[in-house]
C-alpha atoms as a PDB file:
ATOM      1  CA  UNK A   1      62.555  72.721  85.525  1.00  0.00           C
ATOM      2  CA  UNK A   2      60.572  73.277  82.481  1.00  0.00           C
ATOM      3  CA  UNK A   3      61.119  76.522  80.372  1.00  0.00           C
ATOM      4  CA  UNK A   4      60.242  77.454  76.594  1.00  0.00           C
ATOM      5  CA  UNK A   5      60.797  80.547  74.879  1.00  0.00           C
ATOM      6  CA  UNK A   6      61.510  82.289  71.162  1.00  0.00           C
ATOM      7  CA  UNK A   7      64.795  83.820  70.163  1.00  0.00           C
ATOM      8  CA  UNK A   8      65.525  84.481  67.108  1.00  0.00           C
ATOM      9  CA  UNK A   9      68.280  83.843  65.805  1.00  0.00           C
ATOM     10  CA  UNK A  10      68.310  81.108  67.971  1.00  0.00           C
ATOM     11  CA  UNK A  11      70.686  81.700  70.881  1.00  0.00           C
ATOM     12  CA  UNK A  12      73.617  79.242  72.663  1.00  0.00           C
ATOM     13  CA  UNK A  13      71.849  77.437  75.553  1.00  0.00           C
ATOM     14  CA  UNK A  14      73.528  75.349  78.210  1.00  0.00           C
ATOM     15  CA  UNK A  15      72.279  73.512  81.385  1.00  0.00           C
ATOM     16  CA  UNK A  16      73.539  71.559  84.302  1.00  0.00           C
ATOM     17  CA  UNK A  17      71.664  68.519  82.723  1.00  0.00           C
ATOM     18  CA  UNK A  18      68.529  67.333  80.755  1.00  0.00           C
ATOM     19  CA  UNK A  19      66.513  64.543  80.607  1.00  0.00           C
ATOM     20  CA  UNK A  20      65.954  62.072  78.410  1.00  0.00           C
ATOM     21  CA  UNK A  21      65.243  63.770  74.263  1.00  0.00           C
ATOM     22  CA  UNK A  22      64.318  67.313  77.131  1.00  0.00           C
ATOM     23  CA  UNK A  23      67.652  69.411  76.156  1.00  0.00           C
ATOM     24  CA  UNK A  24      68.454  72.917  76.337  1.00  0.00           C
ATOM     25  CA  UNK A  25      68.377  73.363  72.927  1.00  0.00           C
ATOM     26  CA  UNK A  26      64.300  73.248  72.948  1.00  0.00           C
ATOM     27  CA  UNK A  27      63.826  76.207  75.600  1.00  0.00           C
ATOM     28  CA  UNK A  28      64.136  78.878  72.107  1.00  0.00           C
ATOM     29  CA  UNK A  29      62.473  76.956  69.827  1.00  0.00           C
ATOM     30  CA  UNK A  30      58.784  78.901  70.255  1.00  0.00           C
ATOM     31  CA  UNK A  31      57.211  75.370  71.117  1.00  0.00           C
ATOM     32  CA  UNK A  32      55.584  74.827  74.611  1.00  0.00           C
ATOM     33  CA  UNK A  33      54.935  70.840  73.779  1.00  0.00           C
ATOM     34  CA  UNK A  34      59.011  70.875  72.901  1.00  0.00           C
ATOM     35  CA  UNK A  35      61.016  71.661  76.650  1.00  0.00           C
ATOM     36  CA  UNK A  36      63.886  71.815  78.440  1.00  0.00           C
ATOM     37  CA  UNK A  37      63.983  69.070  81.833  1.00  0.00           C
ATOM     38  CA  UNK A  38      66.639  68.940  84.164  1.00  0.00           C
ATOM     39  CA  UNK A  39      68.291  65.436  85.669  1.00  0.00           C
ATOM     40  CA  UNK A  40      65.154  64.393  88.347  1.00  0.00           C
ATOM     41  CA  UNK A  41      66.260  65.241  91.808  1.00  0.00           C
ATOM     42  CA  UNK A  42      68.905  66.985  90.799  1.00  0.00           C
ATOM     43  CA  UNK A  43      69.460  70.290  92.250  1.00  0.00           C
ATOM     44  CA  UNK A  44      70.114  73.174  92.088  1.00  0.00           C
ATOM     45  CA  UNK A  45      69.745  73.481  88.585  1.00  0.00           C
ATOM     46  CA  UNK A  46      70.492  75.898  86.349  1.00  0.00           C
ATOM     47  CA  UNK A  47      70.084  77.050  82.415  1.00  0.00           C
ATOM     48  CA  UNK A  48      71.474  79.738  80.719  1.00  0.00           C
ATOM     49  CA  UNK A  49      70.584  81.421  77.257  1.00  0.00           C
ATOM     50  CA  UNK A  50      73.407  83.429  75.836  1.00  0.00           C
ATOM     51  CA  UNK A  51      72.024  86.207  73.997  1.00  0.00           C
ATOM     52  CA  UNK A  52      75.207  87.907  72.492  1.00  0.00           C
ATOM     53  CA  UNK A  53      74.720  91.482  74.035  1.00  0.00           C
ATOM     54  CA  UNK A  54      70.669  91.515  73.053  1.00  0.00           C
ATOM     55  CA  UNK A  55      68.753  93.415  75.396  1.00  0.00           C
ATOM     56  CA  UNK A  56      65.732  92.293  76.882  1.00  0.00           C
ATOM     57  CA  UNK A  57      62.882  93.939  77.910  1.00  0.00           C
ATOM     58  CA  UNK A  58      60.306  91.108  78.563  1.00  0.00           C
ATOM     59  CA  UNK A  59      61.023  87.251  79.341  1.00  0.00           C
ATOM     60  CA  UNK A  60      57.765  84.812  78.788  1.00  0.00           C
ATOM     61  CA  UNK A  61      57.800  81.548  80.312  1.00  0.00           C
ATOM     62  CA  UNK A  62      55.572  79.283  78.557  1.00  0.00           C
ATOM     63  CA  UNK A  63      54.569  75.858  80.073  1.00  0.00           C
ATOM     64  CA  UNK A  64      52.736  72.729  78.142  1.00  0.00           C
ATOM     65  CA  UNK A  65      49.065  72.938  77.997  1.00  0.00           C
ATOM     66  CA  UNK A  66      47.415  72.005  81.402  1.00  0.00           C
ATOM     67  CA  UNK A  67      46.433  68.382  79.494  1.00  0.00           C
ATOM     68  CA  UNK A  68      49.809  67.826  79.770  1.00  0.00           C
ATOM     69  CA  UNK A  69      51.035  68.184  83.180  1.00  0.00           C
ATOM     70  CA  UNK A  70      49.899  67.977  86.709  1.00  0.00           C
ATOM     71  CA  UNK A  71      49.449  70.912  89.022  1.00  0.00           C
ATOM     72  CA  UNK A  72      52.916  71.808  90.908  1.00  0.00           C
ATOM     73  CA  UNK A  73      54.681  74.106  92.163  1.00  0.00           C
ATOM     74  CA  UNK A  74      57.955  75.601  91.010  1.00  0.00           C
ATOM     75  CA  UNK A  75      60.292  78.481  92.129  1.00  0.00           C
ATOM     76  CA  UNK A  76      62.265  80.570  89.411  1.00  0.00           C
ATOM     77  CA  UNK A  77      64.634  83.206  89.276  1.00  0.00           C
ATOM     78  CA  UNK A  78      65.903  85.626  86.182  1.00  0.00           C
ATOM     79  CA  UNK A  79      69.707  86.341  86.462  1.00  0.00           C
ATOM     80  CA  UNK A  80      71.530  88.727  84.060  1.00  0.00           C
ATOM     81  CA  UNK A  81      75.299  88.848  83.059  1.00  0.00           C
ATOM     82  CA  UNK A  82      76.983  91.323  81.160  1.00  0.00           C
ATOM     83  CA  UNK A  83      80.137  88.983  81.058  1.00  0.00           C
ATOM     84  CA  UNK A  84      78.865  85.602  80.762  1.00  0.00           C
ATOM     85  CA  UNK A  85      80.696  85.551  84.244  1.00  0.00           C
ATOM     86  CA  UNK A  86      79.152  87.848  86.991  1.00  0.00           C
ATOM     87  CA  UNK A  87      75.753  87.058  87.322  1.00  0.00           C
ATOM     88  CA  UNK A  88      73.048  89.197  89.380  1.00  0.00           C
ATOM     89  CA  UNK A  89      69.819  89.266  90.016  1.00  0.00           C
ATOM     90  CA  UNK A  90      67.239  90.984  86.937  1.00  0.00           C
ATOM     91  CA  UNK A  91      64.154  89.090  87.942  1.00  0.00           C
ATOM     92  CA  UNK A  92      63.401  88.359  92.171  1.00  0.00           C
ATOM     93  CA  UNK A  93      62.716  84.526  92.543  1.00  0.00           C
ATOM     94  CA  UNK A  94      58.991  83.717  92.929  1.00  0.00           C
ATOM     95  CA  UNK A  95      56.850  80.349  93.083  1.00  0.00           C
END
């Protein structure tokens, strides 16, 4: 999974894994060329962004330029939690 979002100040970001230099912190720097990539073929994967009670009205997924990637299909879900322990779906899975 690859994702990049910009949130200031930078929140705490954790993930189930990362691949090479594509670490979790890359997801909140605003640069779509710098992203998080999970370990290959290790599913399911999870990226958690702790917004510290910041209200979110919109989430934008920025992908690297088409010249950097081949065509692909990925399914994403957005979950939210008021306490970091109990999560509920905020955005349904979409391919």
